Amino acid sequence: MTDSNVLDNADRRDFLGKATAALGVAGAATACWPFISSMNPSSDTLEKATTEVDLGGIAVGQSQTVSWGGKPVFVVHRTPEQVAAMKNSQGGKDPQADAERAKNPEWLVVVGVCTHMGCIPSRTEEGWLCPCHGSVYDNSGRIMHGPAPLNLPVPPVKFVSADKIIIGEA
């Protein structure tokens, strides 16, 4: 065997090794693609990514429950008395200023799922009461007492006009 044959065999082995590795990487990527693709949100979830709410139909002192991302969201048109009362309190277990929770003081928007066990709280004059274990939230959605550890979450909200908001956009 001559030196050129040895060199040709070494080049051929290098080429075959690299080609095999490249094919292996391409095969692994092709095999993993369906799994990775399955982690993307479904089209019906993407459709629910934002919810537009017309505020014109909600009278002062009233609330409306809308769906956003498969969850109930409470949209409350607070009275001037409720706004004043919430402005002067910090909440109970999970203290937070009302100004941090309501972009526009007369409108409160919170996800209506109890932070204890995931129940849907009922509206009361003072705020909300979770019927499952008795957690009480004030008119800012802050936990006052009961087993719930946290305030009702505030979703991303964008006020697009005086009578329209989009939940899911900030």
N, C-alpha and C. Protein backbone atom coordinates (compact mmCIF):
# COMPACT_ATOMS: atom_id res chain seq x y z
N MET A 1 0.83 -1.16 0.00
CA MET A 1 0.00 0.00 0.00
C MET A 1 0.88 1.24 0.00
N THR A 2 0.53 2.18 -0.82
CA THR A 2 1.33 3.40 -0.92
C THR A 2 0.82 4.43 0.06
N ASP A 3 1.64 5.46 0.23
CA ASP A 3 1.25 6.54 1.14
C ASP A 3 -0.01 7.26 0.69
N SER A 4 -0.22 7.35 -0.61
CA SER A 4 -1.42 8.05 -1.10
C SER A 4 -2.68 7.25 -0.81
N ASN A 5 -2.59 5.92 -0.82
CA ASN A 5 -3.76 5.09 -0.48
C ASN A 5 -4.11 5.24 1.00
N VAL A 6 -3.09 5.29 1.85
CA VAL A 6 -3.33 5.47 3.27
C VAL A 6 -4.00 6.83 3.51
N LEU A 7 -3.51 7.83 2.80
CA LEU A 7 -4.09 9.17 2.93
C LEU A 7 -5.52 9.18 2.43
N ASP A 8 -5.79 8.51 1.32
CA ASP A 8 -7.16 8.46 0.78
C ASP A 8 -8.10 7.75 1.76
N ASN A 9 -7.63 6.67 2.38
CA ASN A 9 -8.45 5.95 3.35
C ASN A 9 -8.75 6.82 4.57
N ALA A 10 -7.77 7.58 5.04
CA ALA A 10 -7.98 8.46 6.19
C ALA A 10 -8.98 9.57 5.84
N ASP A 11 -8.85 10.14 4.65
CA ASP A 11 -9.80 11.17 4.22
C ASP A 11 -11.21 10.59 4.10
N ARG A 12 -11.29 9.37 3.56
CA ARG A 12 -12.58 8.71 3.39
C ARG A 12 -13.22 8.44 4.76
N ARG A 13 -12.42 7.96 5.72
CA ARG A 13 -12.94 7.70 7.06
C ARG A 13 -13.42 9.00 7.71
N ASP A 14 -12.66 10.07 7.57
CA ASP A 14 -13.08 11.37 8.12
C ASP A 14 -14.40 11.81 7.51
N PHE A 15 -14.49 11.69 6.19
CA PHE A 15 -15.72 12.08 5.49
C PHE A 15 -16.90 11.24 5.96
N LEU A 16 -16.71 9.91 6.03
CA LEU A 16 -17.80 9.03 6.46
C LEU A 16 -18.21 9.31 7.91
N GLY A 17 -17.24 9.59 8.77
CA GLY A 17 -17.54 9.92 10.17
C GLY A 17 -18.36 11.21 10.27
N LYS A 18 -17.94 12.23 9.53
CA LYS A 18 -18.66 13.50 9.56
C LYS A 18 -20.05 13.37 8.95
N ALA A 19 -20.15 12.63 7.86
CA ALA A 19 -21.45 12.44 7.20
C ALA A 19 -22.40 11.67 8.12
N THR A 20 -21.89 10.66 8.80
CA THR A 20 -22.72 9.87 9.73
C THR A 20 -23.18 10.73 10.90
N ALA A 21 -22.29 11.55 11.44
CA ALA A 21 -22.66 12.43 12.54
C ALA A 21 -23.72 13.43 12.10
N ALA A 22 -23.55 14.02 10.93
CA ALA A 22 -24.52 14.99 10.42
C ALA A 22 -25.88 14.33 10.20
N LEU A 23 -25.89 13.14 9.66
CA LEU A 23 -27.14 12.42 9.43
C LEU A 23 -27.80 12.06 10.77
N GLY A 24 -26.98 11.69 11.77
CA GLY A 24 -27.51 11.38 13.10
C GLY A 24 -28.16 12.59 13.75
N VAL A 25 -27.52 13.75 13.63
CA VAL A 25 -28.08 14.98 14.19
C VAL A 25 -29.39 15.33 13.49
N ALA A 26 -29.40 15.22 12.15
CA ALA A 26 -30.62 15.52 11.39
C ALA A 26 -31.74 14.55 11.77
N GLY A 27 -31.41 13.27 11.95
CA GLY A 27 -32.41 12.27 12.33
C GLY A 27 -32.95 12.53 13.72
N ALA A 28 -32.09 12.88 14.66
CA ALA A 28 -32.53 13.18 16.02
C ALA A 28 -33.44 14.41 16.04
N ALA A 29 -33.07 15.44 15.28
CA ALA A 29 -33.90 16.65 15.22
C ALA A 29 -35.27 16.33 14.62
N THR A 30 -35.29 15.51 13.58
CA THR A 30 -36.55 15.12 12.95
C THR A 30 -37.41 14.31 13.92
N ALA A 31 -36.78 13.42 14.68
CA ALA A 31 -37.53 12.60 15.64
C ALA A 31 -38.07 13.44 16.79
N CYS A 32 -37.34 14.47 17.21
CA CYS A 32 -37.76 15.31 18.34
C CYS A 32 -38.79 16.37 17.94
N TRP A 33 -38.86 16.72 16.68
CA TRP A 33 -39.72 17.83 16.25
C TRP A 33 -41.18 17.68 16.69
N PRO A 34 -41.82 16.52 16.50
CA PRO A 34 -43.23 16.42 16.94
C PRO A 34 -43.40 16.66 18.44
N PHE A 35 -42.44 16.17 19.24
CA PHE A 35 -42.51 16.38 20.68
C PHE A 35 -42.39 17.86 21.02
N ILE A 36 -41.43 18.53 20.43
CA ILE A 36 -41.22 19.96 20.68
C ILE A 36 -42.42 20.76 20.19
N SER A 37 -42.93 20.40 19.04
CA SER A 37 -44.09 21.10 18.46
C SER A 37 -45.33 20.93 19.33
N SER A 38 -45.45 19.79 20.02
CA SER A 38 -46.63 19.56 20.86
C SER A 38 -46.66 20.48 22.08
N MET A 39 -45.53 21.11 22.42
CA MET A 39 -45.49 22.02 23.56
C MET A 39 -46.02 23.41 23.23
N ASN A 40 -46.22 23.71 21.96
CA ASN A 40 -46.79 25.00 21.58
C ASN A 40 -48.26 25.05 21.97
N PRO A 41 -48.77 26.22 22.33
CA PRO A 41 -50.19 26.30 22.68
C PRO A 41 -51.07 26.00 21.46
N SER A 42 -52.23 25.40 21.74
CA SER A 42 -53.14 25.08 20.65
C SER A 42 -53.79 26.35 20.10
N SER A 43 -54.38 26.24 18.93
CA SER A 43 -54.97 27.42 18.28
C SER A 43 -56.12 28.01 19.10
N ASP A 44 -56.92 27.15 19.75
CA ASP A 44 -58.02 27.70 20.56
C ASP A 44 -57.50 28.44 21.79
N THR A 45 -56.35 28.04 22.31
CA THR A 45 -55.74 28.76 23.43
C THR A 45 -55.21 30.10 22.97
N LEU A 46 -54.59 30.13 21.80
CA LEU A 46 -54.08 31.39 21.26
C LEU A 46 -55.21 32.37 20.99
N GLU A 47 -56.38 31.86 20.57
CA GLU A 47 -57.52 32.73 20.33
C GLU A 47 -57.99 33.39 21.62
N LYS A 48 -57.81 32.70 22.75
CA LYS A 48 -58.24 33.22 24.04
C LYS A 48 -57.14 34.01 24.74
N ALA A 49 -56.05 34.31 24.05
CA ALA A 49 -54.93 35.01 24.67
C ALA A 49 -55.31 36.41 25.12
N THR A 50 -56.25 37.04 24.42
CA THR A 50 -56.74 38.35 24.83
C THR A 50 -58.27 38.33 24.82
N THR A 51 -58.84 39.15 25.69
CA THR A 51 -60.29 39.30 25.75
C THR A 51 -60.60 40.78 25.78
N GLU A 52 -61.46 41.21 24.89
CA GLU A 52 -61.88 42.61 24.82
C GLU A 52 -63.17 42.76 25.63
N VAL A 53 -63.22 43.76 26.49
CA VAL A 53 -64.39 43.98 27.35
C VAL A 53 -64.92 45.39 27.13
N ASP A 54 -66.24 45.47 26.85
CA ASP A 54 -66.92 46.76 26.71
C ASP A 54 -67.37 47.19 28.10
N LEU A 55 -66.79 48.26 28.61
CA LEU A 55 -67.10 48.73 29.96
C LEU A 55 -68.39 49.54 30.02
N GLY A 56 -68.90 49.95 28.86
CA GLY A 56 -70.10 50.79 28.81
C GLY A 56 -71.32 50.16 29.44
N GLY A 57 -71.41 48.84 29.44
CA GLY A 57 -72.58 48.16 29.98
C GLY A 57 -72.49 47.84 31.46
N ILE A 58 -71.42 48.24 32.13
CA ILE A 58 -71.26 47.92 33.55
C ILE A 58 -71.50 49.19 34.36
N ALA A 59 -72.62 49.22 35.07
CA ALA A 59 -72.99 50.41 35.86
C ALA A 59 -72.10 50.53 37.10
N VAL A 60 -72.03 51.72 37.65
CA VAL A 60 -71.26 51.96 38.87
C VAL A 60 -71.80 51.05 39.97
N GLY A 61 -70.90 50.36 40.64
CA GLY A 61 -71.29 49.43 41.70
C GLY A 61 -71.57 48.02 41.21
N GLN A 62 -71.53 47.82 39.92
CA GLN A 62 -71.81 46.50 39.35
C GLN A 62 -70.51 45.83 38.90
N SER A 63 -70.60 44.53 38.63
CA SER A 63 -69.45 43.80 38.11
C SER A 63 -69.90 42.87 37.00
N GLN A 64 -68.94 42.45 36.22
CA GLN A 64 -69.20 41.52 35.12
C GLN A 64 -68.10 40.48 35.15
N THR A 65 -68.45 39.24 34.89
CA THR A 65 -67.46 38.16 34.82
C THR A 65 -67.27 37.81 33.35
N VAL A 66 -66.01 37.85 32.91
CA VAL A 66 -65.68 37.49 31.54
C VAL A 66 -64.67 36.35 31.59
N SER A 67 -64.47 35.70 30.46
CA SER A 67 -63.51 34.61 30.39
C SER A 67 -62.25 35.08 29.68
N TRP A 68 -61.11 34.75 30.26
CA TRP A 68 -59.82 35.07 29.65
C TRP A 68 -58.90 33.89 29.89
N GLY A 69 -58.40 33.30 28.83
CA GLY A 69 -57.50 32.16 28.95
C GLY A 69 -58.12 30.99 29.69
N GLY A 70 -59.44 30.84 29.60
CA GLY A 70 -60.13 29.75 30.27
C GLY A 70 -60.40 30.01 31.74
N LYS A 71 -60.14 31.21 32.23
CA LYS A 71 -60.35 31.55 33.63
C LYS A 71 -61.39 32.67 33.73
N PRO A 72 -62.17 32.69 34.82
CA PRO A 72 -63.08 33.81 35.02
C PRO A 72 -62.30 35.04 35.47
N VAL A 73 -62.68 36.18 34.95
CA VAL A 73 -62.07 37.45 35.34
C VAL A 73 -63.20 38.38 35.77
N PHE A 74 -63.05 38.97 36.97
CA PHE A 74 -64.04 39.89 37.50
C PHE A 74 -63.66 41.31 37.08
N VAL A 75 -64.59 41.99 36.41
CA VAL A 75 -64.41 43.39 36.04
C VAL A 75 -65.42 44.18 36.86
N VAL A 76 -64.92 45.02 37.77
CA VAL A 76 -65.78 45.72 38.72
C VAL A 76 -65.70 47.23 38.50
N HIS A 77 -66.88 47.86 38.36
CA HIS A 77 -66.97 49.32 38.28
C HIS A 77 -67.23 49.79 39.69
N ARG A 78 -66.16 50.19 40.37
CA ARG A 78 -66.26 50.52 41.79
C ARG A 78 -66.89 51.90 42.02
N THR A 79 -67.61 51.99 43.14
CA THR A 79 -68.22 53.27 43.53
C THR A 79 -67.14 54.19 44.10
N PRO A 80 -67.39 55.49 44.14
CA PRO A 80 -66.42 56.41 44.75
C PRO A 80 -66.12 56.04 46.21
N GLU A 81 -67.12 55.53 46.93
CA GLU A 81 -66.91 55.11 48.32
C GLU A 81 -65.97 53.91 48.39
N GLN A 82 -66.15 52.95 47.49
CA GLN A 82 -65.26 51.78 47.46
C GLN A 82 -63.83 52.18 47.11
N VAL A 83 -63.69 53.08 46.15
CA VAL A 83 -62.36 53.55 45.75
C VAL A 83 -61.67 54.22 46.93
N ALA A 84 -62.40 55.10 47.65
CA ALA A 84 -61.82 55.80 48.81
C ALA A 84 -61.43 54.82 49.90
N ALA A 85 -62.30 53.85 50.19
CA ALA A 85 -62.02 52.87 51.24
C ALA A 85 -60.79 52.02 50.88
N MET A 86 -60.67 51.63 49.62
CA MET A 86 -59.55 50.79 49.20
C MET A 86 -58.24 51.59 49.15
N LYS A 87 -58.35 52.87 48.84
CA LYS A 87 -57.17 53.74 48.76
C LYS A 87 -56.50 53.87 50.13
N ASN A 88 -57.30 53.83 51.18
CA ASN A 88 -56.78 54.04 52.53
C ASN A 88 -56.40 52.75 53.26
N SER A 89 -56.48 51.59 52.58
CA SER A 89 -56.10 50.34 53.25
C SER A 89 -55.06 49.61 52.40
N GLN A 90 -54.30 48.76 53.05
CA GLN A 90 -53.25 48.00 52.37
C GLN A 90 -53.61 46.53 52.18
N GLY A 91 -54.70 46.09 52.75
CA GLY A 91 -55.06 44.69 52.65
C GLY A 91 -54.60 43.93 53.88
N GLY A 92 -54.84 42.63 53.90
CA GLY A 92 -54.54 41.82 55.07
C GLY A 92 -53.25 41.03 54.96
N LYS A 93 -53.36 39.73 54.66
CA LYS A 93 -52.22 38.81 54.64
C LYS A 93 -51.16 39.15 53.60
N ASP A 94 -51.59 39.62 52.46
CA ASP A 94 -50.68 39.90 51.34
C ASP A 94 -50.80 41.40 51.02
N PRO A 95 -50.20 42.26 51.86
CA PRO A 95 -50.40 43.71 51.72
C PRO A 95 -49.95 44.23 50.35
N GLN A 96 -50.81 45.02 49.76
CA GLN A 96 -50.52 45.63 48.46
C GLN A 96 -51.42 46.86 48.32
N ALA A 97 -50.84 47.94 47.86
CA ALA A 97 -51.62 49.17 47.69
C ALA A 97 -52.64 49.00 46.57
N ASP A 98 -53.78 49.62 46.73
CA ASP A 98 -54.82 49.56 45.70
C ASP A 98 -54.32 50.12 44.38
N ALA A 99 -53.48 51.15 44.42
CA ALA A 99 -52.96 51.76 43.19
C ALA A 99 -52.12 50.77 42.38
N GLU A 100 -51.52 49.78 43.03
CA GLU A 100 -50.76 48.76 42.33
C GLU A 100 -51.68 47.74 41.66
N ARG A 101 -52.90 47.64 42.15
CA ARG A 101 -53.82 46.62 41.66
C ARG A 101 -54.80 47.15 40.62
N ALA A 102 -55.09 48.44 40.66
CA ALA A 102 -56.06 49.02 39.73
C ALA A 102 -55.41 50.17 38.98
N LYS A 103 -55.21 49.99 37.66
CA LYS A 103 -54.61 51.05 36.85
C LYS A 103 -55.49 52.29 36.83
N ASN A 104 -56.78 52.06 36.73
CA ASN A 104 -57.77 53.13 36.78
C ASN A 104 -58.59 52.87 38.04
N PRO A 105 -58.54 53.77 39.05
CA PRO A 105 -59.16 53.49 40.35
C PRO A 105 -60.62 53.06 40.31
N GLU A 106 -61.40 53.55 39.35
CA GLU A 106 -62.82 53.16 39.35
C GLU A 106 -63.05 51.77 38.75
N TRP A 107 -62.03 51.19 38.13
CA TRP A 107 -62.16 49.86 37.53
C TRP A 107 -61.16 48.89 38.16
N LEU A 108 -61.67 47.79 38.67
CA LEU A 108 -60.81 46.73 39.18
C LEU A 108 -60.99 45.50 38.30
N VAL A 109 -59.89 44.91 37.88
CA VAL A 109 -59.91 43.71 37.05
C VAL A 109 -59.02 42.68 37.73
N VAL A 110 -59.62 41.55 38.17
CA VAL A 110 -58.87 40.49 38.84
C VAL A 110 -59.31 39.13 38.32
N VAL A 111 -58.38 38.18 38.35
CA VAL A 111 -58.72 36.80 37.98
C VAL A 111 -59.54 36.23 39.12
N GLY A 112 -60.71 35.70 38.80
CA GLY A 112 -61.66 35.24 39.81
C GLY A 112 -61.46 33.81 40.25
N VAL A 113 -60.24 33.47 40.66
CA VAL A 113 -59.94 32.13 41.14
C VAL A 113 -59.26 32.25 42.50
N CYS A 114 -59.85 31.65 43.52
CA CYS A 114 -59.30 31.71 44.87
C CYS A 114 -57.89 31.13 44.88
N THR A 115 -57.00 31.81 45.57
CA THR A 115 -55.60 31.39 45.59
C THR A 115 -55.35 30.26 46.59
N HIS A 116 -56.40 29.77 47.23
CA HIS A 116 -56.23 28.65 48.16
C HIS A 116 -56.42 27.32 47.45
N MET A 117 -57.61 27.09 46.90
CA MET A 117 -57.90 25.80 46.27
C MET A 117 -58.48 25.93 44.86
N GLY A 118 -58.50 27.14 44.32
CA GLY A 118 -58.96 27.32 42.95
C GLY A 118 -60.46 27.43 42.77
N CYS A 119 -61.19 27.71 43.83
CA CYS A 119 -62.64 27.89 43.73
C CYS A 119 -62.95 29.27 43.13
N ILE A 120 -64.21 29.49 42.78
CA ILE A 120 -64.65 30.77 42.25
C ILE A 120 -65.36 31.53 43.38
N PRO A 121 -64.77 32.62 43.86
CA PRO A 121 -65.41 33.39 44.94
C PRO A 121 -66.70 34.06 44.47
N SER A 122 -67.60 34.28 45.41
CA SER A 122 -68.87 34.96 45.15
C SER A 122 -68.74 36.43 45.53
N ARG A 123 -69.39 37.30 44.78
CA ARG A 123 -69.35 38.74 45.04
C ARG A 123 -70.20 39.07 46.25
N THR A 124 -69.67 39.91 47.13
CA THR A 124 -70.40 40.44 48.28
C THR A 124 -70.24 41.95 48.26
N GLU A 125 -70.92 42.65 49.16
CA GLU A 125 -70.80 44.11 49.24
C GLU A 125 -69.37 44.53 49.61
N GLU A 126 -68.72 43.72 50.45
CA GLU A 126 -67.37 44.04 50.93
C GLU A 126 -66.28 43.55 49.99
N GLY A 127 -66.61 42.72 49.02
CA GLY A 127 -65.62 42.17 48.09
C GLY A 127 -66.05 40.81 47.58
N TRP A 128 -65.31 39.75 47.98
CA TRP A 128 -65.63 38.39 47.55
C TRP A 128 -65.47 37.44 48.72
N LEU A 129 -66.26 36.37 48.68
CA LEU A 129 -66.19 35.31 49.67
C LEU A 129 -66.05 33.99 48.92
N CYS A 130 -65.03 33.23 49.26
CA CYS A 130 -64.86 31.92 48.65
C CYS A 130 -65.73 30.93 49.43
N PRO A 131 -66.69 30.29 48.76
CA PRO A 131 -67.62 29.42 49.47
C PRO A 131 -67.00 28.12 49.97
N CYS A 132 -65.86 27.73 49.43
CA CYS A 132 -65.27 26.44 49.80
C CYS A 132 -64.67 26.44 51.20
N HIS A 133 -63.82 27.44 51.50
CA HIS A 133 -63.13 27.44 52.78
C HIS A 133 -63.20 28.79 53.50
N GLY A 134 -63.99 29.72 53.00
CA GLY A 134 -64.24 30.95 53.71
C GLY A 134 -63.23 32.07 53.56
N SER A 135 -62.40 32.02 52.53
CA SER A 135 -61.47 33.13 52.31
C SER A 135 -62.26 34.37 51.92
N VAL A 136 -61.89 35.52 52.49
CA VAL A 136 -62.58 36.78 52.23
C VAL A 136 -61.59 37.75 51.57
N TYR A 137 -62.01 38.30 50.45
CA TYR A 137 -61.22 39.28 49.71
C TYR A 137 -61.94 40.62 49.75
N ASP A 138 -61.19 41.73 49.81
CA ASP A 138 -61.82 43.05 49.83
C ASP A 138 -62.12 43.53 48.40
N ASN A 139 -62.61 44.75 48.28
CA ASN A 139 -62.98 45.31 46.97
C ASN A 139 -61.78 45.68 46.10
N SER A 140 -60.60 45.27 46.52
CA SER A 140 -59.40 45.40 45.70
C SER A 140 -58.86 44.02 45.35
N GLY A 141 -59.58 42.98 45.79
CA GLY A 141 -59.17 41.60 45.52
C GLY A 141 -58.04 41.14 46.43
N ARG A 142 -57.84 41.84 47.56
CA ARG A 142 -56.78 41.47 48.50
C ARG A 142 -57.34 40.54 49.57
N ILE A 143 -56.58 39.52 49.92
CA ILE A 143 -57.03 38.56 50.93
C ILE A 143 -57.05 39.24 52.30
N MET A 144 -58.19 39.17 52.95
CA MET A 144 -58.35 39.79 54.28
C MET A 144 -58.20 38.73 55.37
N HIS A 145 -58.90 37.60 55.22
CA HIS A 145 -58.72 36.49 56.16
C HIS A 145 -59.23 35.22 55.51
N GLY A 146 -58.84 34.10 56.11
CA GLY A 146 -59.16 32.79 55.56
C GLY A 146 -57.88 32.09 55.13
N PRO A 147 -58.01 30.89 54.58
CA PRO A 147 -56.81 30.10 54.26
C PRO A 147 -56.06 30.53 52.99
N ALA A 148 -56.66 31.35 52.16
CA ALA A 148 -55.97 31.76 50.92
C ALA A 148 -54.69 32.52 51.27
N PRO A 149 -53.56 32.19 50.63
CA PRO A 149 -52.31 32.84 50.97
C PRO A 149 -52.05 34.16 50.25
N LEU A 150 -52.66 34.34 49.08
CA LEU A 150 -52.34 35.49 48.23
C LEU A 150 -53.60 36.23 47.78
N ASN A 151 -53.40 37.45 47.32
CA ASN A 151 -54.47 38.25 46.72
C ASN A 151 -54.93 37.61 45.41
N LEU A 152 -56.13 37.98 44.97
CA LEU A 152 -56.57 37.54 43.65
C LEU A 152 -55.62 38.16 42.62
N PRO A 153 -55.15 37.38 41.66
CA PRO A 153 -54.19 37.91 40.69
C PRO A 153 -54.79 39.00 39.79
N VAL A 154 -53.96 39.96 39.43
CA VAL A 154 -54.36 41.01 38.49
C VAL A 154 -53.78 40.64 37.12
N PRO A 155 -54.64 40.44 36.12
CA PRO A 155 -54.12 40.09 34.80
C PRO A 155 -53.58 41.34 34.10
N PRO A 156 -52.81 41.15 33.04
CA PRO A 156 -52.39 42.32 32.26
C PRO A 156 -53.60 42.98 31.60
N VAL A 157 -53.77 44.27 31.81
CA VAL A 157 -54.94 45.00 31.29
C VAL A 157 -54.47 46.25 30.58
N LYS A 158 -55.07 46.52 29.43
CA LYS A 158 -54.78 47.74 28.68
C LYS A 158 -56.09 48.49 28.45
N PHE A 159 -56.12 49.73 28.89
CA PHE A 159 -57.30 50.58 28.63
C PHE A 159 -57.10 51.20 27.26
N VAL A 160 -57.90 50.75 26.27
CA VAL A 160 -57.76 51.27 24.91
C VAL A 160 -58.63 52.50 24.67
N SER A 161 -59.66 52.66 25.49
CA SER A 161 -60.50 53.86 25.44
C SER A 161 -61.21 53.97 26.78
N ALA A 162 -62.06 54.99 26.91
CA ALA A 162 -62.77 55.19 28.18
C ALA A 162 -63.74 54.07 28.48
N ASP A 163 -64.19 53.36 27.45
CA ASP A 163 -65.18 52.30 27.66
C ASP A 163 -64.76 50.93 27.10
N LYS A 164 -63.45 50.72 26.93
CA LYS A 164 -63.00 49.43 26.42
C LYS A 164 -61.63 49.07 26.99
N ILE A 165 -61.51 47.80 27.44
CA ILE A 165 -60.22 47.29 27.89
C ILE A 165 -59.91 46.01 27.13
N ILE A 166 -58.63 45.67 27.10
CA ILE A 166 -58.21 44.39 26.56
C ILE A 166 -57.44 43.69 27.69
N ILE A 167 -57.93 42.53 28.05
CA ILE A 167 -57.29 41.71 29.08
C ILE A 167 -56.32 40.78 28.36
N GLY A 168 -55.11 40.72 28.87
CA GLY A 168 -54.08 39.90 28.24
C GLY A 168 -53.03 40.72 27.55
N GLU A 169 -53.22 42.01 27.50
CA GLU A 169 -52.28 42.95 26.90
C GLU A 169 -51.98 44.02 27.94
N ALA A 170 -50.71 44.36 28.05
CA ALA A 170 -50.40 45.42 29.00
C ALA A 170 -49.70 46.58 28.31
